[in-house]
mmCIF file of all heavy atoms, coordinates in Angstrom:
data_MODEL
# 
_entry.id   MODEL 
# 
loop_
_atom_site.group_PDB 
_atom_site.id 
_atom_site.type_symbol 
_atom_site.label_atom_id 
_atom_site.label_alt_id 
_atom_site.label_comp_id 
_atom_site.label_asym_id 
_atom_site.label_entity_id 
_atom_site.label_seq_id 
_atom_site.pdbx_PDB_ins_code 
_atom_site.Cartn_x 
_atom_site.Cartn_y 
_atom_site.Cartn_z 
_atom_site.occupancy 
_atom_site.B_iso_or_equiv 
_atom_site.pdbx_formal_charge 
_atom_site.auth_seq_id 
_atom_site.auth_comp_id 
_atom_site.auth_asym_id 
_atom_site.auth_atom_id 
_atom_site.pdbx_PDB_model_num 
ATOM 1   N N   . ASP A 1 1  ? 96.770  104.796 127.996 1.00 0.00 ? 1  ASP A N   1 
ATOM 2   C CA  . ASP A 1 1  ? 95.895  105.158 129.118 1.00 0.00 ? 1  ASP A CA  1 
ATOM 3   C C   . ASP A 1 1  ? 96.564  106.308 129.967 1.00 0.00 ? 1  ASP A C   1 
ATOM 4   O O   . ASP A 1 1  ? 95.955  106.727 130.946 1.00 0.00 ? 1  ASP A O   1 
ATOM 5   C CB  . ASP A 1 1  ? 95.841  103.873 129.968 1.00 0.00 ? 1  ASP A CB  1 
ATOM 6   C CG  . ASP A 1 1  ? 97.232  103.549 130.642 1.00 0.00 ? 1  ASP A CG  1 
ATOM 7   O OD1 . ASP A 1 1  ? 98.203  104.035 130.277 1.00 0.00 ? 1  ASP A OD1 1 
ATOM 8   O OD2 . ASP A 1 1  ? 97.271  102.387 131.257 1.00 0.00 ? 1  ASP A OD2 1 
ATOM 9   N N   . GLY A 1 2  ? 97.580  106.912 129.409 1.00 0.00 ? 2  GLY A N   1 
ATOM 10  C CA  . GLY A 1 2  ? 98.215  108.090 130.038 1.00 0.00 ? 2  GLY A CA  1 
ATOM 11  C C   . GLY A 1 2  ? 99.008  107.763 131.238 1.00 0.00 ? 2  GLY A C   1 
ATOM 12  O O   . GLY A 1 2  ? 99.506  108.748 131.863 1.00 0.00 ? 2  GLY A O   1 
ATOM 13  N N   . GLU A 1 3  ? 99.259  106.435 131.503 1.00 0.00 ? 3  GLU A N   1 
ATOM 14  C CA  . GLU A 1 3  ? 100.031 106.150 132.676 1.00 0.00 ? 3  GLU A CA  1 
ATOM 15  C C   . GLU A 1 3  ? 101.487 105.923 132.318 1.00 0.00 ? 3  GLU A C   1 
ATOM 16  O O   . GLU A 1 3  ? 101.956 104.793 132.357 1.00 0.00 ? 3  GLU A O   1 
ATOM 17  C CB  . GLU A 1 3  ? 99.327  104.832 133.326 1.00 0.00 ? 3  GLU A CB  1 
ATOM 18  C CG  . GLU A 1 3  ? 97.960  104.966 133.872 1.00 0.00 ? 3  GLU A CG  1 
ATOM 19  C CD  . GLU A 1 3  ? 97.823  105.992 135.033 1.00 0.00 ? 3  GLU A CD  1 
ATOM 20  O OE1 . GLU A 1 3  ? 98.786  106.013 135.879 1.00 0.00 ? 3  GLU A OE1 1 
ATOM 21  O OE2 . GLU A 1 3  ? 96.909  106.718 135.006 1.00 0.00 ? 3  GLU A OE2 1 
ATOM 22  N N   . GLY A 1 4  ? 102.084 106.913 132.076 1.00 0.00 ? 4  GLY A N   1 
ATOM 23  C CA  . GLY A 1 4  ? 103.633 106.853 131.860 1.00 0.00 ? 4  GLY A CA  1 
ATOM 24  C C   . GLY A 1 4  ? 104.026 106.555 130.454 1.00 0.00 ? 4  GLY A C   1 
ATOM 25  O O   . GLY A 1 4  ? 103.237 106.669 129.553 1.00 0.00 ? 4  GLY A O   1 
ATOM 26  N N   . LEU A 1 5  ? 105.379 106.196 130.342 1.00 0.00 ? 5  LEU A N   1 
ATOM 27  C CA  . LEU A 1 5  ? 105.881 106.102 129.110 1.00 0.00 ? 5  LEU A CA  1 
ATOM 28  C C   . LEU A 1 5  ? 106.519 104.650 129.025 1.00 0.00 ? 5  LEU A C   1 
ATOM 29  O O   . LEU A 1 5  ? 106.738 103.967 129.979 1.00 0.00 ? 5  LEU A O   1 
ATOM 30  C CB  . LEU A 1 5  ? 107.118 107.043 128.892 1.00 0.00 ? 5  LEU A CB  1 
ATOM 31  C CG  . LEU A 1 5  ? 106.833 108.497 129.016 1.00 0.00 ? 5  LEU A CG  1 
ATOM 32  C CD1 . LEU A 1 5  ? 108.053 109.376 129.190 1.00 0.00 ? 5  LEU A CD1 1 
ATOM 33  C CD2 . LEU A 1 5  ? 105.975 109.004 127.832 1.00 0.00 ? 5  LEU A CD2 1 
ATOM 34  N N   . PHE A 1 6  ? 106.873 104.297 127.746 1.00 0.00 ? 6  PHE A N   1 
ATOM 35  C CA  . PHE A 1 6  ? 107.597 102.982 127.491 1.00 0.00 ? 6  PHE A CA  1 
ATOM 36  C C   . PHE A 1 6  ? 108.575 103.088 126.277 1.00 0.00 ? 6  PHE A C   1 
ATOM 37  O O   . PHE A 1 6  ? 108.360 103.981 125.583 1.00 0.00 ? 6  PHE A O   1 
ATOM 38  C CB  . PHE A 1 6  ? 106.678 101.754 127.406 1.00 0.00 ? 6  PHE A CB  1 
ATOM 39  C CG  . PHE A 1 6  ? 105.808 101.752 126.078 1.00 0.00 ? 6  PHE A CG  1 
ATOM 40  C CD1 . PHE A 1 6  ? 106.271 101.177 124.911 1.00 0.00 ? 6  PHE A CD1 1 
ATOM 41  C CD2 . PHE A 1 6  ? 104.544 102.446 126.010 1.00 0.00 ? 6  PHE A CD2 1 
ATOM 42  C CE1 . PHE A 1 6  ? 105.634 101.123 123.771 1.00 0.00 ? 6  PHE A CE1 1 
ATOM 43  C CE2 . PHE A 1 6  ? 103.879 102.400 124.915 1.00 0.00 ? 6  PHE A CE2 1 
ATOM 44  C CZ  . PHE A 1 6  ? 104.316 101.797 123.673 1.00 0.00 ? 6  PHE A CZ  1 
ATOM 45  N N   . VAL A 1 7  ? 109.444 102.183 126.281 1.00 0.00 ? 7  VAL A N   1 
ATOM 46  C CA  . VAL A 1 7  ? 110.544 102.248 125.339 1.00 0.00 ? 7  VAL A CA  1 
ATOM 47  C C   . VAL A 1 7  ? 110.180 101.293 124.200 1.00 0.00 ? 7  VAL A C   1 
ATOM 48  O O   . VAL A 1 7  ? 109.907 99.954  124.503 1.00 0.00 ? 7  VAL A O   1 
ATOM 49  C CB  . VAL A 1 7  ? 111.917 101.914 125.806 1.00 0.00 ? 7  VAL A CB  1 
ATOM 50  C CG1 . VAL A 1 7  ? 112.928 101.845 124.752 1.00 0.00 ? 7  VAL A CG1 1 
ATOM 51  C CG2 . VAL A 1 7  ? 112.316 102.993 126.831 1.00 0.00 ? 7  VAL A CG2 1 
ATOM 52  N N   . ASP A 1 8  ? 110.197 101.587 122.872 1.00 0.00 ? 8  ASP A N   1 
ATOM 53  C CA  . ASP A 1 8  ? 109.889 100.665 121.795 1.00 0.00 ? 8  ASP A CA  1 
ATOM 54  C C   . ASP A 1 8  ? 111.059 100.691 120.975 1.00 0.00 ? 8  ASP A C   1 
ATOM 55  O O   . ASP A 1 8  ? 111.419 101.567 120.218 1.00 0.00 ? 8  ASP A O   1 
ATOM 56  C CB  . ASP A 1 8  ? 108.643 101.354 120.984 1.00 0.00 ? 8  ASP A CB  1 
ATOM 57  C CG  . ASP A 1 8  ? 108.037 100.291 120.019 1.00 0.00 ? 8  ASP A CG  1 
ATOM 58  O OD1 . ASP A 1 8  ? 108.390 99.022  120.146 1.00 0.00 ? 8  ASP A OD1 1 
ATOM 59  O OD2 . ASP A 1 8  ? 107.274 100.696 119.189 1.00 0.00 ? 8  ASP A OD2 1 
ATOM 60  N N   . MET A 1 9  ? 111.618 99.469  120.799 1.00 0.00 ? 9  MET A N   1 
ATOM 61  C CA  . MET A 1 9  ? 112.778 99.295  119.997 1.00 0.00 ? 9  MET A CA  1 
ATOM 62  C C   . MET A 1 9  ? 112.408 99.371  118.367 1.00 0.00 ? 9  MET A C   1 
ATOM 63  O O   . MET A 1 9  ? 111.207 99.033  118.059 1.00 0.00 ? 9  MET A O   1 
ATOM 64  C CB  . MET A 1 9  ? 113.459 97.901  120.195 1.00 0.00 ? 9  MET A CB  1 
ATOM 65  C CG  . MET A 1 9  ? 113.833 97.787  121.709 1.00 0.00 ? 9  MET A CG  1 
ATOM 66  S SD  . MET A 1 9  ? 114.949 99.069  122.345 1.00 0.00 ? 9  MET A SD  1 
ATOM 67  C CE  . MET A 1 9  ? 116.507 98.762  121.192 1.00 0.00 ? 9  MET A CE  1 
ATOM 68  N N   . PRO A 1 10 ? 113.390 99.791  117.463 1.00 0.00 ? 10 PRO A N   1 
ATOM 69  C CA  . PRO A 1 10 ? 113.022 99.793  116.078 1.00 0.00 ? 10 PRO A CA  1 
ATOM 70  C C   . PRO A 1 10 ? 112.610 98.420  115.688 1.00 0.00 ? 10 PRO A C   1 
ATOM 71  O O   . PRO A 1 10 ? 113.131 97.432  115.882 1.00 0.00 ? 10 PRO A O   1 
ATOM 72  C CB  . PRO A 1 10 ? 114.420 100.293 115.583 1.00 0.00 ? 10 PRO A CB  1 
ATOM 73  C CG  . PRO A 1 10 ? 115.412 100.029 116.532 1.00 0.00 ? 10 PRO A CG  1 
ATOM 74  C CD  . PRO A 1 10 ? 114.752 100.202 117.944 1.00 0.00 ? 10 PRO A CD  1 
ATOM 75  N N   . SER A 1 11 ? 111.522 98.399  114.721 1.00 0.00 ? 11 SER A N   1 
ATOM 76  C CA  . SER A 1 11 ? 111.093 97.214  114.284 1.00 0.00 ? 11 SER A CA  1 
ATOM 77  C C   . SER A 1 11 ? 110.519 97.219  112.860 1.00 0.00 ? 11 SER A C   1 
ATOM 78  O O   . SER A 1 11 ? 110.491 98.457  112.156 1.00 0.00 ? 11 SER A O   1 
ATOM 79  C CB  . SER A 1 11 ? 109.748 96.855  115.189 1.00 0.00 ? 11 SER A CB  1 
ATOM 80  O OG  . SER A 1 11 ? 108.834 97.824  115.079 1.00 0.00 ? 11 SER A OG  1 
ATOM 81  N N   . TYR A 1 12 ? 110.098 96.163  112.277 1.00 0.00 ? 12 TYR A N   1 
ATOM 82  C CA  . TYR A 1 12 ? 109.744 96.094  110.870 1.00 0.00 ? 12 TYR A CA  1 
ATOM 83  C C   . TYR A 1 12 ? 108.505 95.102  110.868 1.00 0.00 ? 12 TYR A C   1 
ATOM 84  O O   . TYR A 1 12 ? 108.315 94.281  111.764 1.00 0.00 ? 12 TYR A O   1 
ATOM 85  C CB  . TYR A 1 12 ? 110.698 95.682  110.019 1.00 0.00 ? 12 TYR A CB  1 
ATOM 86  C CG  . TYR A 1 12 ? 111.237 94.277  110.002 1.00 0.00 ? 12 TYR A CG  1 
ATOM 87  C CD1 . TYR A 1 12 ? 110.671 93.268  109.155 1.00 0.00 ? 12 TYR A CD1 1 
ATOM 88  C CD2 . TYR A 1 12 ? 112.058 93.916  111.075 1.00 0.00 ? 12 TYR A CD2 1 
ATOM 89  C CE1 . TYR A 1 12 ? 111.001 91.989  109.337 1.00 0.00 ? 12 TYR A CE1 1 
ATOM 90  C CE2 . TYR A 1 12 ? 112.469 92.585  111.271 1.00 0.00 ? 12 TYR A CE2 1 
ATOM 91  C CZ  . TYR A 1 12 ? 111.988 91.628  110.407 1.00 0.00 ? 12 TYR A CZ  1 
ATOM 92  O OH  . TYR A 1 12 ? 112.288 90.275  110.505 1.00 0.00 ? 12 TYR A OH  1 
ATOM 93  N N   . ARG A 1 13 ? 107.716 95.197  109.748 1.00 0.00 ? 13 ARG A N   1 
ATOM 94  C CA  . ARG A 1 13 ? 106.594 94.277  109.562 1.00 0.00 ? 13 ARG A CA  1 
ATOM 95  C C   . ARG A 1 13 ? 107.099 93.060  108.908 1.00 0.00 ? 13 ARG A C   1 
ATOM 96  O O   . ARG A 1 13 ? 107.657 93.014  107.765 1.00 0.00 ? 13 ARG A O   1 
ATOM 97  C CB  . ARG A 1 13 ? 105.565 94.926  108.697 1.00 0.00 ? 13 ARG A CB  1 
ATOM 98  C CG  . ARG A 1 13 ? 104.257 94.091  108.571 1.00 0.00 ? 13 ARG A CG  1 
ATOM 99  C CD  . ARG A 1 13 ? 103.172 94.920  107.793 1.00 0.00 ? 13 ARG A CD  1 
ATOM 100 N NE  . ARG A 1 13 ? 103.737 95.119  106.543 1.00 0.00 ? 13 ARG A NE  1 
ATOM 101 C CZ  . ARG A 1 13 ? 103.038 96.218  105.683 1.00 0.00 ? 13 ARG A CZ  1 
ATOM 102 N NH1 . ARG A 1 13 ? 102.166 96.892  106.193 1.00 0.00 ? 13 ARG A NH1 1 
ATOM 103 N NH2 . ARG A 1 13 ? 103.551 96.449  104.461 1.00 0.00 ? 13 ARG A NH2 1 
ATOM 104 N N   . SER A 1 14 ? 106.976 91.920  109.488 1.00 0.00 ? 14 SER A N   1 
ATOM 105 C CA  . SER A 1 14 ? 107.357 90.625  108.991 1.00 0.00 ? 14 SER A CA  1 
ATOM 106 C C   . SER A 1 14 ? 106.353 90.185  107.922 1.00 0.00 ? 14 SER A C   1 
ATOM 107 O O   . SER A 1 14 ? 105.238 90.637  107.719 1.00 0.00 ? 14 SER A O   1 
ATOM 108 C CB  . SER A 1 14 ? 107.618 89.657  110.042 1.00 0.00 ? 14 SER A CB  1 
ATOM 109 O OG  . SER A 1 14 ? 106.389 89.212  110.632 1.00 0.00 ? 14 SER A OG  1 
ATOM 110 N N   . ASN A 1 15 ? 106.631 88.907  107.430 1.00 0.00 ? 15 ASN A N   1 
ATOM 111 C CA  . ASN A 1 15 ? 105.588 88.267  106.600 1.00 0.00 ? 15 ASN A CA  1 
ATOM 112 C C   . ASN A 1 15 ? 104.600 87.530  107.392 1.00 0.00 ? 15 ASN A C   1 
ATOM 113 O O   . ASN A 1 15 ? 103.715 86.893  106.701 1.00 0.00 ? 15 ASN A O   1 
ATOM 114 C CB  . ASN A 1 15 ? 106.337 87.267  105.674 1.00 0.00 ? 15 ASN A CB  1 
ATOM 115 C CG  . ASN A 1 15 ? 107.153 88.087  104.594 1.00 0.00 ? 15 ASN A CG  1 
ATOM 116 O OD1 . ASN A 1 15 ? 106.830 89.158  104.231 1.00 0.00 ? 15 ASN A OD1 1 
ATOM 117 N ND2 . ASN A 1 15 ? 108.340 87.413  104.360 1.00 0.00 ? 15 ASN A ND2 1 
ATOM 118 N N   . GLU A 1 16 ? 104.728 87.464  108.704 1.00 0.00 ? 16 GLU A N   1 
ATOM 119 C CA  . GLU A 1 16 ? 103.737 86.743  109.497 1.00 0.00 ? 16 GLU A CA  1 
ATOM 120 C C   . GLU A 1 16 ? 102.466 87.649  109.881 1.00 0.00 ? 16 GLU A C   1 
ATOM 121 O O   . GLU A 1 16 ? 102.523 88.771  109.820 1.00 0.00 ? 16 GLU A O   1 
ATOM 122 C CB  . GLU A 1 16 ? 104.422 86.364  110.808 1.00 0.00 ? 16 GLU A CB  1 
ATOM 123 C CG  . GLU A 1 16 ? 105.544 85.327  110.580 1.00 0.00 ? 16 GLU A CG  1 
ATOM 124 C CD  . GLU A 1 16 ? 106.276 85.071  111.945 1.00 0.00 ? 16 GLU A CD  1 
ATOM 125 O OE1 . GLU A 1 16 ? 105.643 85.211  112.903 1.00 0.00 ? 16 GLU A OE1 1 
ATOM 126 O OE2 . GLU A 1 16 ? 107.414 84.719  111.807 1.00 0.00 ? 16 GLU A OE2 1 
ATOM 127 N N   . VAL A 1 17 ? 101.356 86.896  110.114 1.00 0.00 ? 17 VAL A N   1 
ATOM 128 C CA  . VAL A 1 17 ? 100.055 87.613  110.713 1.00 0.00 ? 17 VAL A CA  1 
ATOM 129 C C   . VAL A 1 17 ? 99.689  86.860  111.962 1.00 0.00 ? 17 VAL A C   1 
ATOM 130 O O   . VAL A 1 17 ? 100.066 85.702  112.207 1.00 0.00 ? 17 VAL A O   1 
ATOM 131 C CB  . VAL A 1 17 ? 99.041  87.526  109.618 1.00 0.00 ? 17 VAL A CB  1 
ATOM 132 C CG1 . VAL A 1 17 ? 99.434  88.455  108.379 1.00 0.00 ? 17 VAL A CG1 1 
ATOM 133 C CG2 . VAL A 1 17 ? 98.689  86.132  109.255 1.00 0.00 ? 17 VAL A CG2 1 
ATOM 134 N N   . ASP A 1 18 ? 99.063  87.656  112.751 1.00 0.00 ? 18 ASP A N   1 
ATOM 135 C CA  . ASP A 1 18 ? 98.467  87.044  114.043 1.00 0.00 ? 18 ASP A CA  1 
ATOM 136 C C   . ASP A 1 18 ? 97.186  86.382  113.840 1.00 0.00 ? 18 ASP A C   1 
ATOM 137 O O   . ASP A 1 18 ? 96.711  86.355  112.582 1.00 0.00 ? 18 ASP A O   1 
ATOM 138 C CB  . ASP A 1 18 ? 98.344  88.074  115.130 1.00 0.00 ? 18 ASP A CB  1 
ATOM 139 C CG  . ASP A 1 18 ? 97.359  89.160  114.820 1.00 0.00 ? 18 ASP A CG  1 
ATOM 140 O OD1 . ASP A 1 18 ? 96.447  89.020  113.880 1.00 0.00 ? 18 ASP A OD1 1 
ATOM 141 O OD2 . ASP A 1 18 ? 97.484  90.242  115.447 1.00 0.00 ? 18 ASP A OD2 1 
ATOM 142 N N   . ILE A 1 19 ? 96.599  85.879  114.837 1.00 0.00 ? 19 ILE A N   1 
ATOM 143 C CA  . ILE A 1 19 ? 95.335  85.065  114.642 1.00 0.00 ? 19 ILE A CA  1 
ATOM 144 C C   . ILE A 1 19 ? 94.180  85.849  114.092 1.00 0.00 ? 19 ILE A C   1 
ATOM 145 O O   . ILE A 1 19 ? 93.209  85.408  113.540 1.00 0.00 ? 19 ILE A O   1 
ATOM 146 C CB  . ILE A 1 19 ? 94.842  84.499  115.993 1.00 0.00 ? 19 ILE A CB  1 
ATOM 147 C CG1 . ILE A 1 19 ? 94.746  85.504  116.994 1.00 0.00 ? 19 ILE A CG1 1 
ATOM 148 C CG2 . ILE A 1 19 ? 95.868  83.410  116.357 1.00 0.00 ? 19 ILE A CG2 1 
ATOM 149 C CD1 . ILE A 1 19 ? 94.078  84.879  118.305 1.00 0.00 ? 19 ILE A CD1 1 
ATOM 150 N N   . ASN A 1 20 ? 94.298  87.272  114.237 1.00 0.00 ? 20 ASN A N   1 
ATOM 151 C CA  . ASN A 1 20 ? 93.302  88.183  113.696 1.00 0.00 ? 20 ASN A CA  1 
ATOM 152 C C   . ASN A 1 20 ? 93.626  88.605  112.271 1.00 0.00 ? 20 ASN A C   1 
ATOM 153 O O   . ASN A 1 20 ? 92.955  89.558  111.700 1.00 0.00 ? 20 ASN A O   1 
ATOM 154 C CB  . ASN A 1 20 ? 93.084  89.296  114.502 1.00 0.00 ? 20 ASN A CB  1 
ATOM 155 C CG  . ASN A 1 20 ? 92.556  88.916  115.906 1.00 0.00 ? 20 ASN A CG  1 
ATOM 156 O OD1 . ASN A 1 20 ? 91.682  88.066  116.117 1.00 0.00 ? 20 ASN A OD1 1 
ATOM 157 N ND2 . ASN A 1 20 ? 93.093  89.420  116.998 1.00 0.00 ? 20 ASN A ND2 1 
ATOM 158 N N   . GLY A 1 21 ? 94.731  88.083  111.641 1.00 0.00 ? 21 GLY A N   1 
ATOM 159 C CA  . GLY A 1 21 ? 95.105  88.580  110.392 1.00 0.00 ? 21 GLY A CA  1 
ATOM 160 C C   . GLY A 1 21 ? 95.952  89.798  110.373 1.00 0.00 ? 21 GLY A C   1 
ATOM 161 O O   . GLY A 1 21 ? 96.215  90.459  109.224 1.00 0.00 ? 21 GLY A O   1 
ATOM 162 N N   . ASN A 1 22 ? 96.302  90.400  111.485 1.00 0.00 ? 22 ASN A N   1 
ATOM 163 C CA  . ASN A 1 22 ? 97.098  91.607  111.480 1.00 0.00 ? 22 ASN A CA  1 
ATOM 164 C C   . ASN A 1 22 ? 98.531  91.279  111.356 1.00 0.00 ? 22 ASN A C   1 
ATOM 165 O O   . ASN A 1 22 ? 99.062  90.283  111.828 1.00 0.00 ? 22 ASN A O   1 
ATOM 166 C CB  . ASN A 1 22 ? 96.837  92.386  112.840 1.00 0.00 ? 22 ASN A CB  1 
ATOM 167 C CG  . ASN A 1 22 ? 95.412  92.725  113.016 1.00 0.00 ? 22 ASN A CG  1 
ATOM 168 O OD1 . ASN A 1 22 ? 94.804  93.191  112.131 1.00 0.00 ? 22 ASN A OD1 1 
ATOM 169 N ND2 . ASN A 1 22 ? 94.946  92.523  114.253 1.00 0.00 ? 22 ASN A ND2 1 
ATOM 170 N N   . PRO A 1 23 ? 99.319  92.204  110.726 1.00 0.00 ? 23 PRO A N   1 
ATOM 171 C CA  . PRO A 1 23 ? 100.739 91.980  110.591 1.00 0.00 ? 23 PRO A CA  1 
ATOM 172 C C   . PRO A 1 23 ? 101.510 91.908  111.871 1.00 0.00 ? 23 PRO A C   1 
ATOM 173 O O   . PRO A 1 23 ? 101.133 92.651  112.854 1.00 0.00 ? 23 PRO A O   1 
ATOM 174 C CB  . PRO A 1 23 ? 101.158 93.185  109.706 1.00 0.00 ? 23 PRO A CB  1 
ATOM 175 C CG  . PRO A 1 23 ? 100.202 94.265  109.931 1.00 0.00 ? 23 PRO A CG  1 
ATOM 176 C CD  . PRO A 1 23 ? 98.830  93.579  110.156 1.00 0.00 ? 23 PRO A CD  1 
ATOM 177 N N   . VAL A 1 24 ? 102.642 91.159  111.933 1.00 0.00 ? 24 VAL A N   1 
ATOM 178 C CA  . VAL A 1 24 ? 103.362 90.885  113.049 1.00 0.00 ? 24 VAL A CA  1 
ATOM 179 C C   . VAL A 1 24 ? 104.658 91.690  112.920 1.00 0.00 ? 24 VAL A C   1 
ATOM 180 O O   . VAL A 1 24 ? 105.235 91.560  111.876 1.00 0.00 ? 24 VAL A O   1 
ATOM 181 C CB  . VAL A 1 24 ? 103.707 89.465  113.310 1.00 0.00 ? 24 VAL A CB  1 
ATOM 182 C CG1 . VAL A 1 24 ? 104.821 89.304  114.538 1.00 0.00 ? 24 VAL A CG1 1 
ATOM 183 C CG2 . VAL A 1 24 ? 102.491 88.544  113.604 1.00 0.00 ? 24 VAL A CG2 1 
ATOM 184 N N   . TYR A 1 25 ? 104.876 92.607  113.904 1.00 0.00 ? 25 TYR A N   1 
ATOM 185 C CA  . TYR A 1 25 ? 106.131 93.301  113.858 1.00 0.00 ? 25 TYR A CA  1 
ATOM 186 C C   . TYR A 1 25 ? 107.208 92.763  114.713 1.00 0.00 ? 25 TYR A C   1 
ATOM 187 O O   . TYR A 1 25 ? 106.913 92.203  115.804 1.00 0.00 ? 25 TYR A O   1 
ATOM 188 C CB  . TYR A 1 25 ? 105.855 94.797  114.429 1.00 0.00 ? 25 TYR A CB  1 
ATOM 189 C CG  . TYR A 1 25 ? 105.081 95.573  113.476 1.00 0.00 ? 25 TYR A CG  1 
ATOM 190 C CD1 . TYR A 1 25 ? 103.700 95.430  113.242 1.00 0.00 ? 25 TYR A CD1 1 
ATOM 191 C CD2 . TYR A 1 25 ? 105.647 96.556  112.491 1.00 0.00 ? 25 TYR A CD2 1 
ATOM 192 C CE1 . TYR A 1 25 ? 102.906 96.262  112.324 1.00 0.00 ? 25 TYR A CE1 1 
ATOM 193 C CE2 . TYR A 1 25 ? 105.013 97.241  111.579 1.00 0.00 ? 25 TYR A CE2 1 
ATOM 194 C CZ  . TYR A 1 25 ? 103.556 97.132  111.573 1.00 0.00 ? 25 TYR A CZ  1 
ATOM 195 O OH  . TYR A 1 25 ? 102.869 97.864  110.669 1.00 0.00 ? 25 TYR A OH  1 
# 
């Protein structure tokens, strides 16, 4: 939304999926 910055720690794709079938990081 252009409202500032955030910090994202290093991650990986697990074997899990969310309720929509998308991979969980």
